[in-house]
């Protein structure tokens, strides 16, 4: 057994009372993110949220590198300028990710991050991530399909391949952008929604995989 190496840790801002309010969620799709792993390869995991103890403990059973980056709190995400260009956003995301050159991510834990981004930001984020993914990269995410589904202001962790932890995120909740599955598919460019499952509270969980380049349709970015 190998201890997970934590490369970057975002500062957890939840207080002890918040953690007492943590709950667990059943997941049908998180386990599928591990299907294509190679037994002899060190696992690289990107978590776009805060470093949560459940995830660190879970990944301690693997030989892996954990990259924690709390993109939810980045200023350019929470208060986007109308004058900023697409390429400037890509550069900001890439700087915030700060992923080493030649590092290829095996699993991306997107959680509900896409629901705090409009289409412009999602496209920039996906482009910024492109150098660090390959055909085996898989992602896991949660989402609200429409405004009728309330999105909790939470941070997440992985307790087991079928169990997530959900803890209150400190501070005021940022504006939420529900995305239909069709719209999200358009924004994800070289990724596709491989599977989706409805959760008990009305949210949706997604297994995200690389598109086949032969059928990938390149969409213009405005």
C-alpha atoms as a PDB file:
ATOM      1  CA  UNK A   1       0.000   0.000   0.000  1.00  0.00           C
ATOM      2  CA  UNK A   2       1.280   3.479  -0.902  1.00  0.00           C
ATOM      3  CA  UNK A   3       0.471   6.716   0.846  1.00  0.00           C
ATOM      4  CA  UNK A   4      -1.060   9.317  -1.453  1.00  0.00           C
ATOM      5  CA  UNK A   5       1.204  12.280  -2.128  1.00  0.00           C
ATOM      6  CA  UNK A   6      -0.685  15.546  -1.790  1.00  0.00           C
ATOM      7  CA  UNK A   7       0.870  18.090  -4.147  1.00  0.00           C
ATOM      8  CA  UNK A   8      -1.342  21.090  -3.419  1.00  0.00           C
ATOM      9  CA  UNK A   9      -3.902  21.710  -0.708  1.00  0.00           C
ATOM     10  CA  UNK A  10      -6.506  24.442  -0.907  1.00  0.00           C
ATOM     11  CA  UNK A  11      -7.209  25.987   2.487  1.00  0.00           C
ATOM     12  CA  UNK A  12     -10.370  24.479   3.946  1.00  0.00           C
ATOM     13  CA  UNK A  13     -12.529  27.286   5.306  1.00  0.00           C
ATOM     14  CA  UNK A  14     -15.337  25.265   6.865  1.00  0.00           C
ATOM     15  CA  UNK A  15     -15.428  25.435  10.657  1.00  0.00           C
ATOM     16  CA  UNK A  16     -16.021  22.533  13.065  1.00  0.00           C
ATOM     17  CA  UNK A  17     -19.752  23.189  13.161  1.00  0.00           C
ATOM     18  CA  UNK A  18     -19.857  22.940   9.362  1.00  0.00           C
ATOM     19  CA  UNK A  19     -18.117  19.554   9.438  1.00  0.00           C
ATOM     20  CA  UNK A  20     -20.621  18.316  12.011  1.00  0.00           C
ATOM     21  CA  UNK A  21     -23.259  18.956   9.351  1.00  0.00           C
ATOM     22  CA  UNK A  22     -21.536  16.851   6.685  1.00  0.00           C
ATOM     23  CA  UNK A  23     -23.662  14.191   5.028  1.00  0.00           C
ATOM     24  CA  UNK A  24     -22.987  11.268   2.706  1.00  0.00           C
ATOM     25  CA  UNK A  25     -24.365  10.783  -0.781  1.00  0.00           C
ATOM     26  CA  UNK A  26     -24.691   7.530  -2.677  1.00  0.00           C
ATOM     27  CA  UNK A  27     -23.041   7.543  -6.111  1.00  0.00           C
ATOM     28  CA  UNK A  28     -23.726   5.143  -8.961  1.00  0.00           C
ATOM     29  CA  UNK A  29     -21.066   6.547 -11.292  1.00  0.00           C
ATOM     30  CA  UNK A  30     -17.996   7.511  -9.249  1.00  0.00           C
ATOM     31  CA  UNK A  31     -16.743   3.923  -9.428  1.00  0.00           C
ATOM     32  CA  UNK A  32     -16.703   4.103 -13.244  1.00  0.00           C
ATOM     33  CA  UNK A  33     -14.004   6.786 -13.085  1.00  0.00           C
ATOM     34  CA  UNK A  34     -11.615   4.030 -11.970  1.00  0.00           C
ATOM     35  CA  UNK A  35     -12.422   1.563 -14.766  1.00  0.00           C
ATOM     36  CA  UNK A  36      -9.542   2.452 -17.086  1.00  0.00           C
ATOM     37  CA  UNK A  37      -6.767   2.660 -14.499  1.00  0.00           C
ATOM     38  CA  UNK A  38      -3.520   0.822 -15.172  1.00  0.00           C
ATOM     39  CA  UNK A  39      -2.303  -1.241 -12.227  1.00  0.00           C
ATOM     40  CA  UNK A  40       1.379  -0.396 -12.736  1.00  0.00           C
ATOM     41  CA  UNK A  41       0.916   3.362 -13.187  1.00  0.00           C
ATOM     42  CA  UNK A  42       0.899   6.025 -10.501  1.00  0.00           C
ATOM     43  CA  UNK A  43      -2.548   7.610 -10.339  1.00  0.00           C
ATOM     44  CA  UNK A  44      -2.867  11.383 -10.835  1.00  0.00           C
ATOM     45  CA  UNK A  45      -6.060  12.940  -9.476  1.00  0.00           C
ATOM     46  CA  UNK A  46      -7.197  16.543  -9.939  1.00  0.00           C
ATOM     47  CA  UNK A  47      -9.779  17.823  -7.446  1.00  0.00           C
ATOM     48  CA  UNK A  48     -11.069  21.303  -8.346  1.00  0.00           C
ATOM     49  CA  UNK A  49     -12.420  21.842  -4.828  1.00  0.00           C
ATOM     50  CA  UNK A  50     -10.967  22.049  -1.345  1.00  0.00           C
ATOM     51  CA  UNK A  51      -8.859  19.291   0.171  1.00  0.00           C
ATOM     52  CA  UNK A  52     -11.312  17.150   2.117  1.00  0.00           C
ATOM     53  CA  UNK A  53     -10.076  14.543   4.598  1.00  0.00           C
ATOM     54  CA  UNK A  54     -12.344  11.847   3.158  1.00  0.00           C
ATOM     55  CA  UNK A  55     -10.647  12.103  -0.250  1.00  0.00           C
ATOM     56  CA  UNK A  56      -7.133  12.102   1.196  1.00  0.00           C
ATOM     57  CA  UNK A  57      -7.973   8.999   3.273  1.00  0.00           C
ATOM     58  CA  UNK A  58      -9.638   7.237   0.347  1.00  0.00           C
ATOM     59  CA  UNK A  59      -6.749   7.774  -2.066  1.00  0.00           C
ATOM     60  CA  UNK A  60      -4.190   6.646   0.512  1.00  0.00           C
ATOM     61  CA  UNK A  61      -4.874   3.091  -0.719  1.00  0.00           C
ATOM     62  CA  UNK A  62      -3.408   3.977  -4.125  1.00  0.00           C
ATOM     63  CA  UNK A  63       0.010   4.959  -5.384  1.00  0.00           C
ATOM     64  CA  UNK A  64      -1.032   8.422  -6.463  1.00  0.00           C
ATOM     65  CA  UNK A  65      -0.522  12.156  -6.661  1.00  0.00           C
ATOM     66  CA  UNK A  66      -3.409  14.372  -5.486  1.00  0.00           C
ATOM     67  CA  UNK A  67      -3.764  17.864  -6.938  1.00  0.00           C
ATOM     68  CA  UNK A  68      -6.181  20.008  -4.920  1.00  0.00           C
ATOM     69  CA  UNK A  69      -7.072  23.436  -6.321  1.00  0.00           C
ATOM     70  CA  UNK A  70     -10.053  25.365  -4.994  1.00  0.00           C
ATOM     71  CA  UNK A  71     -11.087  26.983  -8.258  1.00  0.00           C
ATOM     72  CA  UNK A  72     -14.465  27.885  -6.765  1.00  0.00           C
ATOM     73  CA  UNK A  73     -12.873  30.778  -4.887  1.00  0.00           C
ATOM     74  CA  UNK A  74     -10.830  32.306  -7.714  1.00  0.00           C
ATOM     75  CA  UNK A  75     -11.632  36.009  -8.239  1.00  0.00           C
ATOM     76  CA  UNK A  76     -11.932  35.706 -12.010  1.00  0.00           C
ATOM     77  CA  UNK A  77     -14.546  32.961 -11.495  1.00  0.00           C
ATOM     78  CA  UNK A  78     -16.602  34.737  -8.853  1.00  0.00           C
ATOM     79  CA  UNK A  79     -16.441  38.175 -10.507  1.00  0.00           C
ATOM     80  CA  UNK A  80     -15.804  37.803 -14.227  1.00  0.00           C
ATOM     81  CA  UNK A  81     -15.030  40.951 -16.192  1.00  0.00           C
ATOM     82  CA  UNK A  82     -17.143  41.562 -19.283  1.00  0.00           C
ATOM     83  CA  UNK A  83     -14.055  42.833 -21.111  1.00  0.00           C
ATOM     84  CA  UNK A  84     -11.832  39.800 -20.553  1.00  0.00           C
ATOM     85  CA  UNK A  85     -11.041  37.694 -23.618  1.00  0.00           C
ATOM     86  CA  UNK A  86     -11.297  33.937 -24.005  1.00  0.00           C
ATOM     87  CA  UNK A  87      -7.524  33.508 -24.172  1.00  0.00           C
ATOM     88  CA  UNK A  88      -7.058  35.616 -21.045  1.00  0.00           C
ATOM     89  CA  UNK A  89      -9.489  33.345 -19.205  1.00  0.00           C
ATOM     90  CA  UNK A  90      -7.625  30.267 -20.456  1.00  0.00           C
ATOM     91  CA  UNK A  91      -4.374  31.752 -19.126  1.00  0.00           C
ATOM     92  CA  UNK A  92      -5.946  32.522 -15.745  1.00  0.00           C
ATOM     93  CA  UNK A  93      -7.307  28.998 -15.394  1.00  0.00           C
ATOM     94  CA  UNK A  94      -3.987  27.463 -16.422  1.00  0.00           C
ATOM     95  CA  UNK A  95      -2.129  29.638 -13.912  1.00  0.00           C
ATOM     96  CA  UNK A  96      -4.547  28.646 -11.141  1.00  0.00           C
ATOM     97  CA  UNK A  97      -4.297  24.954 -12.009  1.00  0.00           C
ATOM     98  CA  UNK A  98      -0.480  25.198 -11.919  1.00  0.00           C
ATOM     99  CA  UNK A  99      -0.148  21.629 -13.171  1.00  0.00           C
ATOM    100  CA  UNK A 100       3.428  20.502 -13.908  1.00  0.00           C
ATOM    101  CA  UNK A 101       4.432  20.146 -17.545  1.00  0.00           C
ATOM    102  CA  UNK A 102       4.029  16.624 -18.966  1.00  0.00           C
ATOM    103  CA  UNK A 103       1.660  15.681 -16.147  1.00  0.00           C
ATOM    104  CA  UNK A 104      -1.315  13.647 -17.379  1.00  0.00           C
ATOM    105  CA  UNK A 105      -4.414  13.496 -15.186  1.00  0.00           C
ATOM    106  CA  UNK A 106      -6.172  10.157 -14.764  1.00  0.00           C
ATOM    107  CA  UNK A 107      -9.226  11.331 -12.811  1.00  0.00           C
ATOM    108  CA  UNK A 108     -10.758  14.808 -12.677  1.00  0.00           C
ATOM    109  CA  UNK A 109     -13.124  15.383  -9.759  1.00  0.00           C
ATOM    110  CA  UNK A 110     -15.171  18.273 -11.117  1.00  0.00           C
ATOM    111  CA  UNK A 111     -17.912  17.991  -8.471  1.00  0.00           C
ATOM    112  CA  UNK A 112     -20.536  20.717  -9.165  1.00  0.00           C
ATOM    113  CA  UNK A 113     -17.999  23.288 -10.421  1.00  0.00           C
ATOM    114  CA  UNK A 114     -19.598  23.583 -13.869  1.00  0.00           C
ATOM    115  CA  UNK A 115     -22.764  24.922 -12.247  1.00  0.00           C
ATOM    116  CA  UNK A 116     -20.823  27.932 -10.962  1.00  0.00           C
ATOM    117  CA  UNK A 117     -19.554  28.758 -14.455  1.00  0.00           C
ATOM    118  CA  UNK A 118     -21.376  30.143 -17.463  1.00  0.00           C
ATOM    119  CA  UNK A 119     -20.667  28.677 -20.887  1.00  0.00           C
ATOM    120  CA  UNK A 120     -17.820  31.131 -21.534  1.00  0.00           C
ATOM    121  CA  UNK A 121     -15.973  30.082 -18.398  1.00  0.00           C
ATOM    122  CA  UNK A 122     -16.544  26.358 -18.962  1.00  0.00           C
ATOM    123  CA  UNK A 123     -15.042  26.581 -22.456  1.00  0.00           C
ATOM    124  CA  UNK A 124     -11.998  28.446 -21.146  1.00  0.00           C
ATOM    125  CA  UNK A 125     -11.511  25.975 -18.289  1.00  0.00           C
ATOM    126  CA  UNK A 126     -11.750  22.971 -20.615  1.00  0.00           C
ATOM    127  CA  UNK A 127      -9.209  24.496 -22.994  1.00  0.00           C
ATOM    128  CA  UNK A 128      -6.849  25.239 -20.101  1.00  0.00           C
ATOM    129  CA  UNK A 129      -7.078  21.604 -18.981  1.00  0.00           C
ATOM    130  CA  UNK A 130      -6.442  20.160 -22.451  1.00  0.00           C
ATOM    131  CA  UNK A 131      -2.619  19.710 -22.246  1.00  0.00           C
ATOM    132  CA  UNK A 132      -3.008  17.542 -19.144  1.00  0.00           C
ATOM    133  CA  UNK A 133      -5.523  14.951 -20.324  1.00  0.00           C
ATOM    134  CA  UNK A 134      -5.328  11.999 -22.701  1.00  0.00           C
ATOM    135  CA  UNK A 135      -7.669   9.337 -24.043  1.00  0.00           C
ATOM    136  CA  UNK A 136      -7.750   7.536 -20.689  1.00  0.00           C
ATOM    137  CA  UNK A 137      -8.654  10.575 -18.565  1.00  0.00           C
ATOM    138  CA  UNK A 138     -12.026  10.327 -16.844  1.00  0.00           C
ATOM    139  CA  UNK A 139     -14.035  12.888 -14.938  1.00  0.00           C
ATOM    140  CA  UNK A 140     -16.800  12.833 -12.370  1.00  0.00           C
ATOM    141  CA  UNK A 141     -19.255  15.646 -11.782  1.00  0.00           C
ATOM    142  CA  UNK A 142     -22.569  16.656 -10.281  1.00  0.00           C
ATOM    143  CA  UNK A 143     -25.082  19.055 -11.710  1.00  0.00           C
ATOM    144  CA  UNK A 144     -28.403  20.819 -11.603  1.00  0.00           C
ATOM    145  CA  UNK A 145     -30.315  20.526 -14.868  1.00  0.00           C
ATOM    146  CA  UNK A 146     -32.613  23.465 -14.217  1.00  0.00           C
ATOM    147  CA  UNK A 147     -33.448  26.188 -11.707  1.00  0.00           C
ATOM    148  CA  UNK A 148     -36.056  23.984 -10.015  1.00  0.00           C
ATOM    149  CA  UNK A 149     -33.268  21.792  -8.647  1.00  0.00           C
ATOM    150  CA  UNK A 150     -31.666  23.577  -5.698  1.00  0.00           C
ATOM    151  CA  UNK A 151     -27.886  23.294  -5.608  1.00  0.00           C
ATOM    152  CA  UNK A 152     -26.476  23.207  -2.062  1.00  0.00           C
ATOM    153  CA  UNK A 153     -23.492  25.408  -1.235  1.00  0.00           C
ATOM    154  CA  UNK A 154     -21.173  22.497  -0.529  1.00  0.00           C
ATOM    155  CA  UNK A 155     -17.712  21.057  -0.872  1.00  0.00           C
ATOM    156  CA  UNK A 156     -17.278  17.368  -1.634  1.00  0.00           C
ATOM    157  CA  UNK A 157     -15.046  14.416  -0.972  1.00  0.00           C
ATOM    158  CA  UNK A 158     -14.806  10.775  -1.972  1.00  0.00           C
ATOM    159  CA  UNK A 159     -15.252   8.338   0.912  1.00  0.00           C
ATOM    160  CA  UNK A 160     -15.608   5.199  -1.226  1.00  0.00           C
ATOM    161  CA  UNK A 161     -16.224   4.456  -4.890  1.00  0.00           C
ATOM    162  CA  UNK A 162     -19.965   4.553  -4.190  1.00  0.00           C
ATOM    163  CA  UNK A 163     -20.051   7.169  -1.410  1.00  0.00           C
ATOM    164  CA  UNK A 164     -19.442  10.931  -1.459  1.00  0.00           C
ATOM    165  CA  UNK A 165     -19.201  13.337   1.441  1.00  0.00           C
ATOM    166  CA  UNK A 166     -20.980  16.687   1.245  1.00  0.00           C
ATOM    167  CA  UNK A 167     -20.043  19.467   3.664  1.00  0.00           C
ATOM    168  CA  UNK A 168     -21.297  23.063   3.903  1.00  0.00           C
ATOM    169  CA  UNK A 169     -19.052  25.561   2.145  1.00  0.00           C
ATOM    170  CA  UNK A 170     -18.408  28.696   4.192  1.00  0.00           C
ATOM    171  CA  UNK A 171     -19.399  32.055   2.786  1.00  0.00           C
ATOM    172  CA  UNK A 172     -22.147  33.261   0.539  1.00  0.00           C
ATOM    173  CA  UNK A 173     -23.100  30.994  -2.331  1.00  0.00           C
ATOM    174  CA  UNK A 174     -22.022  32.224  -5.746  1.00  0.00           C
ATOM    175  CA  UNK A 175     -24.559  32.539  -8.602  1.00  0.00           C
ATOM    176  CA  UNK A 176     -25.614  29.167  -9.988  1.00  0.00           C
ATOM    177  CA  UNK A 177     -25.843  28.382 -13.717  1.00  0.00           C
ATOM    178  CA  UNK A 178     -27.968  25.287 -14.367  1.00  0.00           C
ATOM    179  CA  UNK A 179     -26.953  23.569 -17.614  1.00  0.00           C
ATOM    180  CA  UNK A 180     -29.004  21.105 -19.589  1.00  0.00           C
ATOM    181  CA  UNK A 181     -27.117  17.968 -20.553  1.00  0.00           C
ATOM    182  CA  UNK A 182     -27.172  19.085 -24.191  1.00  0.00           C
ATOM    183  CA  UNK A 183     -25.652  22.488 -23.373  1.00  0.00           C
ATOM    184  CA  UNK A 184     -23.026  20.981 -21.104  1.00  0.00           C
ATOM    185  CA  UNK A 185     -22.057  18.512 -23.816  1.00  0.00           C
ATOM    186  CA  UNK A 186     -21.458  21.445 -26.197  1.00  0.00           C
ATOM    187  CA  UNK A 187     -19.282  23.286 -23.675  1.00  0.00           C
ATOM    188  CA  UNK A 188     -17.099  20.253 -22.876  1.00  0.00           C
ATOM    189  CA  UNK A 189     -15.503  20.178 -26.356  1.00  0.00           C
ATOM    190  CA  UNK A 190     -13.105  17.178 -26.329  1.00  0.00           C
ATOM    191  CA  UNK A 191     -14.913  15.602 -23.358  1.00  0.00           C
ATOM    192  CA  UNK A 192     -18.291  13.900 -23.540  1.00  0.00           C
ATOM    193  CA  UNK A 193     -20.912  12.824 -21.019  1.00  0.00           C
ATOM    194  CA  UNK A 194     -20.487   9.072 -21.155  1.00  0.00           C
ATOM    195  CA  UNK A 195     -23.167   8.297 -18.574  1.00  0.00           C
ATOM    196  CA  UNK A 196     -25.553  10.251 -16.362  1.00  0.00           C
ATOM    197  CA  UNK A 197     -27.711   9.171 -13.445  1.00  0.00           C
ATOM    198  CA  UNK A 198     -30.422  11.022 -11.545  1.00  0.00           C
ATOM    199  CA  UNK A 199     -29.723  11.331  -7.821  1.00  0.00           C
ATOM    200  CA  UNK A 200     -32.358  11.085  -5.098  1.00  0.00           C
ATOM    201  CA  UNK A 201     -32.476  14.871  -4.543  1.00  0.00           C
ATOM    202  CA  UNK A 202     -32.984  15.709  -8.215  1.00  0.00           C
ATOM    203  CA  UNK A 203     -29.375  16.457  -9.064  1.00  0.00           C
ATOM    204  CA  UNK A 204     -27.548  14.520 -11.773  1.00  0.00           C
ATOM    205  CA  UNK A 205     -24.161  12.822 -11.585  1.00  0.00           C
ATOM    206  CA  UNK A 206     -21.978  12.496 -14.669  1.00  0.00           C
ATOM    207  CA  UNK A 207     -19.223  10.209 -15.875  1.00  0.00           C
ATOM    208  CA  UNK A 208     -17.133  12.296 -18.282  1.00  0.00           C
ATOM    209  CA  UNK A 209     -14.717  10.744 -20.789  1.00  0.00           C
ATOM    210  CA  UNK A 210     -12.678  11.809 -23.814  1.00  0.00           C
ATOM    211  CA  UNK A 211     -14.447  12.052 -27.155  1.00  0.00           C
ATOM    212  CA  UNK A 212     -13.327   9.922 -30.040  1.00  0.00           C
ATOM    213  CA  UNK A 213     -11.374  12.410 -32.187  1.00  0.00           C
ATOM    214  CA  UNK A 214     -12.801  10.901 -35.355  1.00  0.00           C
ATOM    215  CA  UNK A 215     -16.312  11.977 -34.386  1.00  0.00           C
ATOM    216  CA  UNK A 216     -15.446  15.110 -32.428  1.00  0.00           C
ATOM    217  CA  UNK A 217     -17.021  18.259 -33.825  1.00  0.00           C
ATOM    218  CA  UNK A 218     -15.016  21.414 -33.264  1.00  0.00           C
ATOM    219  CA  UNK A 219     -17.301  24.289 -32.244  1.00  0.00           C
ATOM    220  CA  UNK A 220     -16.377  27.956 -32.664  1.00  0.00           C
ATOM    221  CA  UNK A 221     -15.646  29.953 -29.523  1.00  0.00           C
ATOM    222  CA  UNK A 222     -17.016  33.474 -29.362  1.00  0.00           C
END
